[in-house]
Amino acid sequence: MSTPDIVLSAQNLVKRFGGITATGNVSLDLHKGARHALIGPNGA
């Protein structure tokens, strides 16, 4: 089975709100034709 084409690749992303780090060192690959979702700890 071949791997679908990667259309977006991101490594070590960090998002901060003031002094609060919401995400740290998040990495992901988005593949052509796949469905993706990001869900936080509270379900949002």
C-alpha atoms as a PDB file:
ATOM      1  CA  MET A   1       0.000   0.000   0.000  1.00  0.00           C
ATOM      2  CA  SER A   2       1.422   3.415  -0.953  1.00  0.00           C
ATOM      3  CA  THR A   3       1.398   6.417   1.374  1.00  0.00           C
ATOM      4  CA  PRO A   4      -0.974   9.227   0.281  1.00  0.00           C
ATOM      5  CA  ASP A   5       0.640  12.514  -0.702  1.00  0.00           C
ATOM      6  CA  ILE A   6       1.366  14.871   2.181  1.00  0.00           C
ATOM      7  CA  VAL A   7      -0.200  18.269   1.410  1.00  0.00           C
ATOM      8  CA  LEU A   8       0.876  19.981   4.655  1.00  0.00           C
ATOM      9  CA  SER A   9       3.579  19.100   7.150  1.00  0.00           C
ATOM     10  CA  ALA A  10       4.215  21.022  10.377  1.00  0.00           C
ATOM     11  CA  GLN A  11       6.714  20.328  13.146  1.00  0.00           C
ATOM     12  CA  ASN A  12       7.120  21.607  16.692  1.00  0.00           C
ATOM     13  CA  LEU A  13       4.251  24.119  16.625  1.00  0.00           C
ATOM     14  CA  VAL A  14       3.635  26.102  19.816  1.00  0.00           C
ATOM     15  CA  LYS A  15       0.626  28.324  20.619  1.00  0.00           C
ATOM     16  CA  ARG A  16       0.709  30.642  23.614  1.00  0.00           C
ATOM     17  CA  PHE A  17      -1.901  32.982  25.062  1.00  0.00           C
ATOM     18  CA  GLY A  18      -0.017  35.416  27.259  1.00  0.00           C
ATOM     19  CA  GLY A  19       1.882  33.272  29.756  1.00  0.00           C
ATOM     20  CA  ILE A  20      -0.193  30.145  29.050  1.00  0.00           C
ATOM     21  CA  THR A  21       1.074  27.559  26.569  1.00  0.00           C
ATOM     22  CA  ALA A  22      -1.984  26.005  24.910  1.00  0.00           C
ATOM     23  CA  THR A  23       0.018  23.524  22.814  1.00  0.00           C
ATOM     24  CA  GLY A  24       3.679  22.672  22.833  1.00  0.00           C
ATOM     25  CA  ASN A  25       5.737  20.946  20.157  1.00  0.00           C
ATOM     26  CA  VAL A  26       2.790  19.657  18.119  1.00  0.00           C
ATOM     27  CA  SER A  27       3.747  17.988  14.829  1.00  0.00           C
ATOM     28  CA  LEU A  28       1.429  16.681  12.132  1.00  0.00           C
ATOM     29  CA  ASP A  29       1.202  15.632   8.500  1.00  0.00           C
ATOM     30  CA  LEU A  30      -1.983  16.197   6.496  1.00  0.00           C
ATOM     31  CA  HIS A  31      -2.493  13.692   3.692  1.00  0.00           C
ATOM     32  CA  LYS A  32      -4.369  14.328   0.442  1.00  0.00           C
ATOM     33  CA  GLY A  33      -7.917  12.965   0.605  1.00  0.00           C
ATOM     34  CA  ALA A  34      -7.866  12.300   4.369  1.00  0.00           C
ATOM     35  CA  ARG A  35     -10.165  13.900   6.944  1.00  0.00           C
ATOM     36  CA  HIS A  36      -8.616  15.619   9.939  1.00  0.00           C
ATOM     37  CA  ALA A  37      -9.876  17.089  13.207  1.00  0.00           C
ATOM     38  CA  LEU A  38      -8.228  18.648  16.237  1.00  0.00           C
ATOM     39  CA  ILE A  39     -10.040  18.208  19.535  1.00  0.00           C
ATOM     40  CA  GLY A  40      -8.869  19.700  22.811  1.00  0.00           C
ATOM     41  CA  PRO A  41      -9.098  18.135  26.269  1.00  0.00           C
ATOM     42  CA  ASN A  42     -12.486  19.783  26.903  1.00  0.00           C
ATOM     43  CA  GLY A  43     -13.893  18.553  23.574  1.00  0.00           C
ATOM     44  CA  ALA A  44     -13.710  21.942  21.842  1.00  0.00           C
END
